[in-house]
Amino acid sequence: CAMGLAAGLWLSPQAAPAVMNIVYLPLAFLSGLWIPLMAF
């Protein structure tokens, strides 16, 4: 929520959806949420 709040206050309404999608999925993948980290 804090991360999203910071993004929302700094980004324009046009940029926010694209940036959030760019952040959301790679952040989940690189954190090992989809595949256990030992496979990385």
PDB file of all heavy atoms in Angstrom:
ATOM      1  N   CYS A   1       0.843  -1.200   0.000  1.00  0.00           N
ATOM      2  CA  CYS A   1       0.000   0.000   0.000  1.00  0.00           C
ATOM      3  C   CYS A   1       0.877   1.248   0.000  1.00  0.00           C
ATOM      4  O   CYS A   1       0.600   2.211  -0.717  1.00  0.00           O
ATOM      5  CB  CYS A   1      -0.917   0.005   1.225  1.00  0.00           C
ATOM      6  SG  CYS A   1      -2.226  -1.235   1.211  1.00  0.00           S
ATOM      7  N   ALA A   2       1.928   1.223   0.816  1.00  0.00           N
ATOM      8  CA  ALA A   2       2.850   2.368   0.855  1.00  0.00           C
ATOM      9  C   ALA A   2       3.544   2.551  -0.486  1.00  0.00           C
ATOM     10  O   ALA A   2       3.711   3.685  -0.974  1.00  0.00           O
ATOM     11  CB  ALA A   2       3.881   2.162   1.962  1.00  0.00           C
ATOM     12  N   MET A   3       3.933   1.448  -1.110  1.00  0.00           N
ATOM     13  CA  MET A   3       4.566   1.521  -2.424  1.00  0.00           C
ATOM     14  C   MET A   3       3.599   2.096  -3.457  1.00  0.00           C
ATOM     15  O   MET A   3       3.958   2.968  -4.269  1.00  0.00           O
ATOM     16  CB  MET A   3       5.037   0.126  -2.853  1.00  0.00           C
ATOM     17  CG  MET A   3       5.805   0.106  -4.176  1.00  0.00           C
ATOM     18  SD  MET A   3       6.192  -1.582  -4.728  1.00  0.00           S
ATOM     19  CE  MET A   3       7.258  -2.121  -3.404  1.00  0.00           C
ATOM     20  N   GLY A   4       2.361   1.606  -3.444  1.00  0.00           N
ATOM     21  CA  GLY A   4       1.365   2.109  -4.381  1.00  0.00           C
ATOM     22  C   GLY A   4       1.036   3.570  -4.133  1.00  0.00           C
ATOM     23  O   GLY A   4       0.838   4.341  -5.081  1.00  0.00           O
ATOM     24  N   LEU A   5       0.976   3.961  -2.864  1.00  0.00           N
ATOM     25  CA  LEU A   5       0.704   5.361  -2.524  1.00  0.00           C
ATOM     26  C   LEU A   5       1.792   6.272  -3.083  1.00  0.00           C
ATOM     27  O   LEU A   5       1.502   7.320  -3.674  1.00  0.00           O
ATOM     28  CB  LEU A   5       0.605   5.517  -1.014  1.00  0.00           C
ATOM     29  CG  LEU A   5       0.456   6.942  -0.478  1.00  0.00           C
ATOM     30  CD1 LEU A   5      -0.831   7.578  -0.981  1.00  0.00           C
ATOM     31  CD2 LEU A   5       0.486   6.940   1.051  1.00  0.00           C
ATOM     32  N   ALA A   6       3.046   5.873  -2.893  1.00  0.00           N
ATOM     33  CA  ALA A   6       4.152   6.670  -3.424  1.00  0.00           C
ATOM     34  C   ALA A   6       4.065   6.784  -4.941  1.00  0.00           C
ATOM     35  O   ALA A   6       4.239   7.873  -5.509  1.00  0.00           O
ATOM     36  CB  ALA A   6       5.487   6.052  -3.008  1.00  0.00           C
ATOM     37  N   ALA A   7       3.764   5.671  -5.602  1.00  0.00           N
ATOM     38  CA  ALA A   7       3.657   5.693  -7.063  1.00  0.00           C
ATOM     39  C   ALA A   7       2.499   6.578  -7.515  1.00  0.00           C
ATOM     40  O   ALA A   7       2.628   7.364  -8.460  1.00  0.00           O
ATOM     41  CB  ALA A   7       3.488   4.277  -7.591  1.00  0.00           C
ATOM     42  N   GLY A   8       1.356   6.449  -6.843  1.00  0.00           N
ATOM     43  CA  GLY A   8       0.188   7.225  -7.236  1.00  0.00           C
ATOM     44  C   GLY A   8       0.381   8.720  -7.092  1.00  0.00           C
ATOM     45  O   GLY A   8      -0.150   9.507  -7.888  1.00  0.00           O
ATOM     46  N   LEU A   9       1.145   9.142  -6.086  1.00  0.00           N
ATOM     47  CA  LEU A   9       1.365  10.569  -5.864  1.00  0.00           C
ATOM     48  C   LEU A   9       2.406  11.157  -6.809  1.00  0.00           C
ATOM     49  O   LEU A   9       2.444  12.366  -7.026  1.00  0.00           O
ATOM     50  CB  LEU A   9       1.791  10.809  -4.416  1.00  0.00           C
ATOM     51  CG  LEU A   9       0.678  10.629  -3.372  1.00  0.00           C
ATOM     52  CD1 LEU A   9       1.252  10.669  -1.969  1.00  0.00           C
ATOM     53  CD2 LEU A   9      -0.401  11.695  -3.539  1.00  0.00           C
ATOM     54  N   TRP A  10       3.242  10.309  -7.376  1.00  0.00           N
ATOM     55  CA  TRP A  10       4.283  10.806  -8.266  1.00  0.00           C
ATOM     56  C   TRP A  10       3.944  10.611  -9.746  1.00  0.00           C
ATOM     57  O   TRP A  10       4.479  11.325 -10.611  1.00  0.00           O
ATOM     58  CB  TRP A  10       5.619  10.115  -7.966  1.00  0.00           C
ATOM     59  CG  TRP A  10       6.321  10.705  -6.794  1.00  0.00           C
ATOM     60  CD1 TRP A  10       6.281  10.263  -5.503  1.00  0.00           C
ATOM     61  CD2 TRP A  10       7.167  11.852  -6.778  1.00  0.00           C
ATOM     62  NE1 TRP A  10       7.041  11.049  -4.680  1.00  0.00           N
ATOM     63  CE2 TRP A  10       7.611  12.042  -5.444  1.00  0.00           C
ATOM     64  CE3 TRP A  10       7.603  12.743  -7.762  1.00  0.00           C
ATOM     65  CZ2 TRP A  10       8.452  13.092  -5.077  1.00  0.00           C
ATOM     66  CZ3 TRP A  10       8.452  13.782  -7.392  1.00  0.00           C
ATOM     67  CH2 TRP A  10       8.864  13.951  -6.073  1.00  0.00           C
ATOM     68  N   LEU A  11       3.069   9.648 -10.060  1.00  0.00           N
ATOM     69  CA  LEU A  11       2.781   9.334 -11.457  1.00  0.00           C
ATOM     70  C   LEU A  11       1.510  10.039 -11.927  1.00  0.00           C
ATOM     71  O   LEU A  11       0.617  10.331 -11.123  1.00  0.00           O
ATOM     72  CB  LEU A  11       2.614   7.823 -11.639  1.00  0.00           C
ATOM     73  CG  LEU A  11       3.857   6.962 -11.353  1.00  0.00           C
ATOM     74  CD1 LEU A  11       3.472   5.489 -11.410  1.00  0.00           C
ATOM     75  CD2 LEU A  11       4.982   7.274 -12.331  1.00  0.00           C
ATOM     76  N   SER A  12       1.423  10.247 -13.212  1.00  0.00           N
ATOM     77  CA  SER A  12       0.210  10.807 -13.810  1.00  0.00           C
ATOM     78  C   SER A  12      -0.825   9.699 -13.987  1.00  0.00           C
ATOM     79  O   SER A  12      -0.478   8.507 -13.987  1.00  0.00           O
ATOM     80  CB  SER A  12       0.529  11.421 -15.175  1.00  0.00           C
ATOM     81  OG  SER A  12       0.884  10.401 -16.098  1.00  0.00           O
ATOM     82  N   PRO A  13      -2.112  10.052 -14.150  1.00  0.00           N
ATOM     83  CA  PRO A  13      -3.134   9.020 -14.361  1.00  0.00           C
ATOM     84  C   PRO A  13      -2.867   8.174 -15.606  1.00  0.00           C
ATOM     85  O   PRO A  13      -3.243   6.999 -15.646  1.00  0.00           O
ATOM     86  CB  PRO A  13      -4.434   9.832 -14.517  1.00  0.00           C
ATOM     87  CG  PRO A  13      -4.151  11.125 -13.833  1.00  0.00           C
ATOM     88  CD  PRO A  13      -2.702  11.400 -14.045  1.00  0.00           C
ATOM     89  N   GLN A  14      -2.241   8.747 -16.614  1.00  0.00           N
ATOM     90  CA  GLN A  14      -1.955   8.009 -17.837  1.00  0.00           C
ATOM     91  C   GLN A  14      -0.799   7.024 -17.651  1.00  0.00           C
ATOM     92  O   GLN A  14      -0.811   5.925 -18.207  1.00  0.00           O
ATOM     93  CB  GLN A  14      -1.614   8.973 -18.986  1.00  0.00           C
ATOM     94  CG  GLN A  14      -2.737   9.881 -19.420  1.00  0.00           C
ATOM     95  CD  GLN A  14      -2.989  11.023 -18.460  1.00  0.00           C
ATOM     96  OE1 GLN A  14      -2.086  11.426 -17.706  1.00  0.00           O
ATOM     97  NE2 GLN A  14      -4.211  11.563 -18.476  1.00  0.00           N
ATOM     98  N   ALA A  15       0.191   7.413 -16.848  1.00  0.00           N
ATOM     99  CA  ALA A  15       1.373   6.573 -16.673  1.00  0.00           C
ATOM    100  C   ALA A  15       1.180   5.495 -15.619  1.00  0.00           C
ATOM    101  O   ALA A  15       1.806   4.430 -15.694  1.00  0.00           O
ATOM    102  CB  ALA A  15       2.578   7.440 -16.309  1.00  0.00           C
ATOM    103  N   ALA A  16       0.321   5.740 -14.628  1.00  0.00           N
ATOM    104  CA  ALA A  16       0.207   4.833 -13.482  1.00  0.00           C
ATOM    105  C   ALA A  16      -0.147   3.393 -13.866  1.00  0.00           C
ATOM    106  O   ALA A  16       0.507   2.455 -13.375  1.00  0.00           O
ATOM    107  CB  ALA A  16      -0.814   5.382 -12.489  1.00  0.00           C
ATOM    108  N   PRO A  17      -1.166   3.143 -14.733  1.00  0.00           N
ATOM    109  CA  PRO A  17      -1.483   1.741 -15.050  1.00  0.00           C
ATOM    110  C   PRO A  17      -0.317   0.991 -15.686  1.00  0.00           C
ATOM    111  O   PRO A  17      -0.041  -0.159 -15.326  1.00  0.00           O
ATOM    112  CB  PRO A  17      -2.668   1.863 -16.031  1.00  0.00           C
ATOM    113  CG  PRO A  17      -3.274   3.194 -15.730  1.00  0.00           C
ATOM    114  CD  PRO A  17      -2.126   4.074 -15.350  1.00  0.00           C
ATOM    115  N   ALA A  18       0.382   1.650 -16.626  1.00  0.00           N
ATOM    116  CA  ALA A  18       1.505   0.984 -17.283  1.00  0.00           C
ATOM    117  C   ALA A  18       2.629   0.694 -16.299  1.00  0.00           C
ATOM    118  O   ALA A  18       3.184  -0.414 -16.273  1.00  0.00           O
ATOM    119  CB  ALA A  18       2.018   1.851 -18.434  1.00  0.00           C
ATOM    120  N   VAL A  19       2.960   1.671 -15.454  1.00  0.00           N
ATOM    121  CA  VAL A  19       4.053   1.479 -14.501  1.00  0.00           C
ATOM    122  C   VAL A  19       3.708   0.404 -13.482  1.00  0.00           C
ATOM    123  O   VAL A  19       4.546  -0.442 -13.137  1.00  0.00           O
ATOM    124  CB  VAL A  19       4.395   2.812 -13.800  1.00  0.00           C
ATOM    125  CG1 VAL A  19       5.398   2.594 -12.677  1.00  0.00           C
ATOM    126  CG2 VAL A  19       4.930   3.826 -14.803  1.00  0.00           C
ATOM    127  N   MET A  20       2.471   0.395 -12.992  1.00  0.00           N
ATOM    128  CA  MET A  20       2.078  -0.611 -12.016  1.00  0.00           C
ATOM    129  C   MET A  20       2.154  -2.014 -12.603  1.00  0.00           C
ATOM    130  O   MET A  20       2.564  -2.964 -11.915  1.00  0.00           O
ATOM    131  CB  MET A  20       0.672  -0.325 -11.501  1.00  0.00           C
ATOM    132  CG  MET A  20       0.565   0.868 -10.556  1.00  0.00           C
ATOM    133  SD  MET A  20       1.476   0.661  -8.998  1.00  0.00           S
ATOM    134  CE  MET A  20       3.029   1.461  -9.400  1.00  0.00           C
ATOM    135  N   ASN A  21       1.770  -2.175 -13.852  1.00  0.00           N
ATOM    136  CA  ASN A  21       1.883  -3.489 -14.496  1.00  0.00           C
ATOM    137  C   ASN A  21       3.335  -3.889 -14.685  1.00  0.00           C
ATOM    138  O   ASN A  21       3.698  -5.059 -14.516  1.00  0.00           O
ATOM    139  CB  ASN A  21       1.158  -3.479 -15.848  1.00  0.00           C
ATOM    140  CG  ASN A  21      -0.331  -3.708 -15.711  1.00  0.00           C
ATOM    141  OD1 ASN A  21      -0.773  -4.782 -15.340  1.00  0.00           O
ATOM    142  ND2 ASN A  21      -1.112  -2.687 -15.979  1.00  0.00           N
ATOM    143  N   ILE A  22       4.178  -2.921 -15.040  1.00  0.00           N
ATOM    144  CA  ILE A  22       5.604  -3.204 -15.204  1.00  0.00           C
ATOM    145  C   ILE A  22       6.230  -3.609 -13.876  1.00  0.00           C
ATOM    146  O   ILE A  22       7.109  -4.473 -13.819  1.00  0.00           O
ATOM    147  CB  ILE A  22       6.326  -1.977 -15.805  1.00  0.00           C
ATOM    148  CG1 ILE A  22       5.882  -1.767 -17.255  1.00  0.00           C
ATOM    149  CG2 ILE A  22       7.844  -2.137 -15.727  1.00  0.00           C
ATOM    150  CD1 ILE A  22       6.426  -0.505 -17.878  1.00  0.00           C
ATOM    151  N   VAL A  23       5.760  -3.005 -12.790  1.00  0.00           N
ATOM    152  CA  VAL A  23       6.312  -3.303 -11.466  1.00  0.00           C
ATOM    153  C   VAL A  23       5.762  -4.618 -10.922  1.00  0.00           C
ATOM    154  O   VAL A  23       6.517  -5.457 -10.394  1.00  0.00           O
ATOM    155  CB  VAL A  23       6.002  -2.150 -10.484  1.00  0.00           C
ATOM    156  CG1 VAL A  23       6.324  -2.551  -9.042  1.00  0.00           C
ATOM    157  CG2 VAL A  23       6.790  -0.900 -10.877  1.00  0.00           C
ATOM    158  N   TYR A  24       4.464  -4.828 -11.064  1.00  0.00           N
ATOM    159  CA  TYR A  24       3.759  -5.930 -10.394  1.00  0.00           C
ATOM    160  C   TYR A  24       4.299  -7.303 -10.791  1.00  0.00           C
ATOM    161  O   TYR A  24       4.757  -8.087  -9.946  1.00  0.00           O
ATOM    162  CB  TYR A  24       2.275  -5.806 -10.706  1.00  0.00           C
ATOM    163  CG  TYR A  24       1.381  -6.856 -10.088  1.00  0.00           C
ATOM    164  CD1 TYR A  24       1.588  -7.323  -8.805  1.00  0.00           C
ATOM    165  CD2 TYR A  24       0.294  -7.364 -10.806  1.00  0.00           C
ATOM    166  CE1 TYR A  24       0.740  -8.272  -8.241  1.00  0.00           C
ATOM    167  CE2 TYR A  24      -0.557  -8.294 -10.252  1.00  0.00           C
ATOM    168  CZ  TYR A  24      -0.331  -8.755  -8.977  1.00  0.00           C
ATOM    169  OH  TYR A  24      -1.167  -9.686  -8.427  1.00  0.00           O
ATOM    170  N   LEU A  25       4.249  -7.620 -12.063  1.00  0.00           N
ATOM    171  CA  LEU A  25       4.600  -8.970 -12.502  1.00  0.00           C
ATOM    172  C   LEU A  25       6.097  -9.264 -12.376  1.00  0.00           C
ATOM    173  O   LEU A  25       6.465 -10.307 -11.815  1.00  0.00           O
ATOM    174  CB  LEU A  25       4.108  -9.193 -13.936  1.00  0.00           C
ATOM    175  CG  LEU A  25       2.587  -9.104 -14.126  1.00  0.00           C
ATOM    176  CD1 LEU A  25       2.211  -9.364 -15.576  1.00  0.00           C
ATOM    177  CD2 LEU A  25       1.861 -10.081 -13.211  1.00  0.00           C
ATOM    178  N   PRO A  26       7.007  -8.398 -12.871  1.00  0.00           N
ATOM    179  CA  PRO A  26       8.433  -8.692 -12.666  1.00  0.00           C
ATOM    180  C   PRO A  26       8.827  -8.770 -11.194  1.00  0.00           C
ATOM    181  O   PRO A  26       9.663  -9.593 -10.811  1.00  0.00           O
ATOM    182  CB  PRO A  26       9.135  -7.524 -13.378  1.00  0.00           C
ATOM    183  CG  PRO A  26       8.157  -7.048 -14.391  1.00  0.00           C
ATOM    184  CD  PRO A  26       6.816  -7.217 -13.731  1.00  0.00           C
ATOM    185  N   LEU A  27       8.228  -7.915 -10.359  1.00  0.00           N
ATOM    186  CA  LEU A  27       8.544  -7.942  -8.932  1.00  0.00           C
ATOM    187  C   LEU A  27       8.153  -9.280  -8.325  1.00  0.00           C
ATOM    188  O   LEU A  27       8.893  -9.849  -7.510  1.00  0.00           O
ATOM    189  CB  LEU A  27       7.813  -6.799  -8.223  1.00  0.00           C
ATOM    190  CG  LEU A  27       8.198  -6.500  -6.774  1.00  0.00           C
ATOM    191  CD1 LEU A  27       9.658  -6.084  -6.687  1.00  0.00           C
ATOM    192  CD2 LEU A  27       7.301  -5.404  -6.202  1.00  0.00           C
ATOM    193  N   ALA A  28       6.995  -9.802  -8.719  1.00  0.00           N
ATOM    194  CA  ALA A  28       6.560 -11.104  -8.216  1.00  0.00           C
ATOM    195  C   ALA A  28       7.478 -12.223  -8.705  1.00  0.00           C
ATOM    196  O   ALA A  28       7.877 -13.106  -7.926  1.00  0.00           O
ATOM    197  CB  ALA A  28       5.117 -11.371  -8.649  1.00  0.00           C
ATOM    198  N   PHE A  29       7.823 -12.196  -9.985  1.00  0.00           N
ATOM    199  CA  PHE A  29       8.665 -13.259 -10.540  1.00  0.00           C
ATOM    200  C   PHE A  29      10.053 -13.244  -9.925  1.00  0.00           C
ATOM    201  O   PHE A  29      10.574 -14.281  -9.493  1.00  0.00           O
ATOM    202  CB  PHE A  29       8.762 -13.093 -12.061  1.00  0.00           C
ATOM    203  CG  PHE A  29       9.691 -14.082 -12.721  1.00  0.00           C
ATOM    204  CD1 PHE A  29       9.302 -15.394 -12.900  1.00  0.00           C
ATOM    205  CD2 PHE A  29      10.956 -13.691 -13.129  1.00  0.00           C
ATOM    206  CE1 PHE A  29      10.171 -16.317 -13.489  1.00  0.00           C
ATOM    207  CE2 PHE A  29      11.822 -14.596 -13.714  1.00  0.00           C
ATOM    208  CZ  PHE A  29      11.425 -15.920 -13.906  1.00  0.00           C
ATOM    209  N   LEU A  30      10.683 -12.063  -9.869  1.00  0.00           N
ATOM    210  CA  LEU A  30      12.052 -11.966  -9.369  1.00  0.00           C
ATOM    211  C   LEU A  30      12.147 -12.251  -7.873  1.00  0.00           C
ATOM    212  O   LEU A  30      13.235 -12.538  -7.373  1.00  0.00           O
ATOM    213  CB  LEU A  30      12.614 -10.572  -9.669  1.00  0.00           C
ATOM    214  CG  LEU A  30      12.824 -10.254 -11.151  1.00  0.00           C
ATOM    215  CD1 LEU A  30      13.232  -8.798 -11.335  1.00  0.00           C
ATOM    216  CD2 LEU A  30      13.870 -11.188 -11.764  1.00  0.00           C
ATOM    217  N   SER A  31      11.029 -12.159  -7.154  1.00  0.00           N
ATOM    218  CA  SER A  31      11.032 -12.452  -5.719  1.00  0.00           C
ATOM    219  C   SER A  31      10.823 -13.932  -5.423  1.00  0.00           C
ATOM    220  O   SER A  31      10.785 -14.331  -4.256  1.00  0.00           O
ATOM    221  CB  SER A  31       9.949 -11.631  -5.014  1.00  0.00           C
ATOM    222  OG  SER A  31      10.168 -10.255  -5.178  1.00  0.00           O
ATOM    223  N   GLY A  32      10.666 -14.741  -6.479  1.00  0.00           N
ATOM    224  CA  GLY A  32      10.497 -16.175  -6.285  1.00  0.00           C
ATOM    225  C   GLY A  32       9.096 -16.593  -5.887  1.00  0.00           C
ATOM    226  O   GLY A  32       8.919 -17.642  -5.270  1.00  0.00           O
ATOM    227  N   LEU A  33       8.091 -15.785  -6.271  1.00  0.00           N
ATOM    228  CA  LEU A  33       6.719 -16.123  -5.902  1.00  0.00           C
ATOM    229  C   LEU A  33       6.115 -17.175  -6.831  1.00  0.00           C
ATOM    230  O   LEU A  33       5.195 -17.894  -6.441  1.00  0.00           O
ATOM    231  CB  LEU A  33       5.841 -14.858  -5.923  1.00  0.00           C
ATOM    232  CG  LEU A  33       6.278 -13.712  -5.010  1.00  0.00           C
ATOM    233  CD1 LEU A  33       5.246 -12.600  -5.027  1.00  0.00           C
ATOM    234  CD2 LEU A  33       6.529 -14.195  -3.587  1.00  0.00           C
ATOM    235  N   TRP A  34       6.580 -17.241  -8.050  1.00  0.00           N
ATOM    236  CA  TRP A  34       6.027 -18.205  -9.007  1.00  0.00           C
ATOM    237  C   TRP A  34       6.835 -19.494  -9.062  1.00  0.00           C
ATOM    238  O   TRP A  34       6.291 -20.570  -9.246  1.00  0.00           O
ATOM    239  CB  TRP A  34       5.973 -17.591 -10.406  1.00  0.00           C
ATOM    240  CG  TRP A  34       5.092 -16.387 -10.513  1.00  0.00           C
ATOM    241  CD1 TRP A  34       4.217 -15.916  -9.565  1.00  0.00           C
ATOM    242  CD2 TRP A  34       4.991 -15.480 -11.606  1.00  0.00           C
ATOM    243  NE1 TRP A  34       3.594 -14.785 -10.007  1.00  0.00           N
ATOM    244  CE2 TRP A  34       4.042 -14.495 -11.250  1.00  0.00           C
ATOM    245  CE3 TRP A  34       5.613 -15.400 -12.846  1.00  0.00           C
ATOM    246  CZ2 TRP A  34       3.694 -13.442 -12.101  1.00  0.00           C
ATOM    247  CZ3 TRP A  34       5.273 -14.356 -13.705  1.00  0.00           C
ATOM    248  CH2 TRP A  34       4.322 -13.393 -13.328  1.00  0.00           C
ATOM    249  N   ILE A  35       8.145 -19.338  -8.969  1.00  0.00           N
ATOM    250  CA  ILE A  35       9.058 -20.479  -9.039  1.00  0.00           C
ATOM    251  C   ILE A  35       9.960 -20.421  -7.814  1.00  0.00           C
ATOM    252  O   ILE A  35      10.496 -19.351  -7.499  1.00  0.00           O
ATOM    253  CB  ILE A  35       9.918 -20.427 -10.319  1.00  0.00           C
ATOM    254  CG1 ILE A  35       9.023 -20.401 -11.556  1.00  0.00           C
ATOM    255  CG2 ILE A  35      10.863 -21.622 -10.384  1.00  0.00           C
ATOM    256  CD1 ILE A  35       9.784 -20.150 -12.848  1.00  0.00           C
ATOM    257  N   PRO A  36      10.163 -21.539  -7.096  1.00  0.00           N
ATOM    258  CA  PRO A  36      11.050 -21.511  -5.928  1.00  0.00           C
ATOM    259  C   PRO A  36      12.426 -20.972  -6.285  1.00  0.00           C
ATOM    260  O   PRO A  36      12.973 -21.271  -7.352  1.00  0.00           O
ATOM    261  CB  PRO A  36      11.109 -22.978  -5.501  1.00  0.00           C
ATOM    262  CG  PRO A  36       9.802 -23.553  -5.970  1.00  0.00           C
ATOM    263  CD  PRO A  36       9.491 -22.848  -7.259  1.00  0.00           C
ATOM    264  N   LEU A  37      12.999 -20.174  -5.400  1.00  0.00           N
ATOM    265  CA  LEU A  37      14.256 -19.485  -5.686  1.00  0.00           C
ATOM    266  C   LEU A  37      15.410 -20.438  -5.970  1.00  0.00           C
ATOM    267  O   LEU A  37      16.350 -20.072  -6.681  1.00  0.00           O
ATOM    268  CB  LEU A  37      14.627 -18.584  -4.508  1.00  0.00           C
ATOM    269  CG  LEU A  37      13.903 -17.230  -4.418  1.00  0.00           C
ATOM    270  CD1 LEU A  37      14.348 -16.486  -3.175  1.00  0.00           C
ATOM    271  CD2 LEU A  37      14.169 -16.396  -5.660  1.00  0.00           C
ATOM    272  N   MET A  38      15.368 -21.653  -5.433  1.00  0.00           N
ATOM    273  CA  MET A  38      16.484 -22.565  -5.678  1.00  0.00           C
ATOM    274  C   MET A  38      16.603 -22.948  -7.146  1.00  0.00           C
ATOM    275  O   MET A  38      17.646 -23.447  -7.574  1.00  0.00           O
ATOM    276  CB  MET A  38      16.349 -23.818  -4.810  1.00  0.00           C
ATOM    277  CG  MET A  38      15.193 -24.728  -5.153  1.00  0.00           C
ATOM    278  SD  MET A  38      13.664 -24.219  -4.339  1.00  0.00           S
ATOM    279  CE  MET A  38      14.028 -24.443  -2.628  1.00  0.00           C
ATOM    280  N   ALA A  39      15.560 -22.686  -7.940  1.00  0.00           N
ATOM    281  CA  ALA A  39      15.625 -22.947  -9.375  1.00  0.00           C
ATOM    282  C   ALA A  39      16.242 -21.792 -10.143  1.00  0.00           C
ATOM    283  O   ALA A  39      16.465 -21.904 -11.347  1.00  0.00           O
ATOM    284  CB  ALA A  39      14.219 -23.237  -9.910  1.00  0.00           C
ATOM    285  N   PHE A  40      16.516 -20.667  -9.468  1.00  0.00           N
ATOM    286  CA  PHE A  40      17.061 -19.478 -10.118  1.00  0.00           C
ATOM    287  C   PHE A  40      18.590 -19.519 -10.126  1.00  0.00           C
ATOM    288  O   PHE A  40      19.213 -20.150  -9.275  1.00  0.00           O
ATOM    289  CB  PHE A  40      16.612 -18.213  -9.382  1.00  0.00           C
ATOM    290  CG  PHE A  40      15.177 -17.832  -9.614  1.00  0.00           C
ATOM    291  CD1 PHE A  40      14.327 -18.619 -10.364  1.00  0.00           C
ATOM    292  CD2 PHE A  40      14.676 -16.662  -9.068  1.00  0.00           C
ATOM    293  CE1 PHE A  40      13.009 -18.263 -10.566  1.00  0.00           C
ATOM    294  CE2 PHE A  40      13.355 -16.281  -9.269  1.00  0.00           C
ATOM    295  CZ  PHE A  40      12.523 -17.102 -10.019  1.00  0.00           C
TER     296      PHE A  40
END
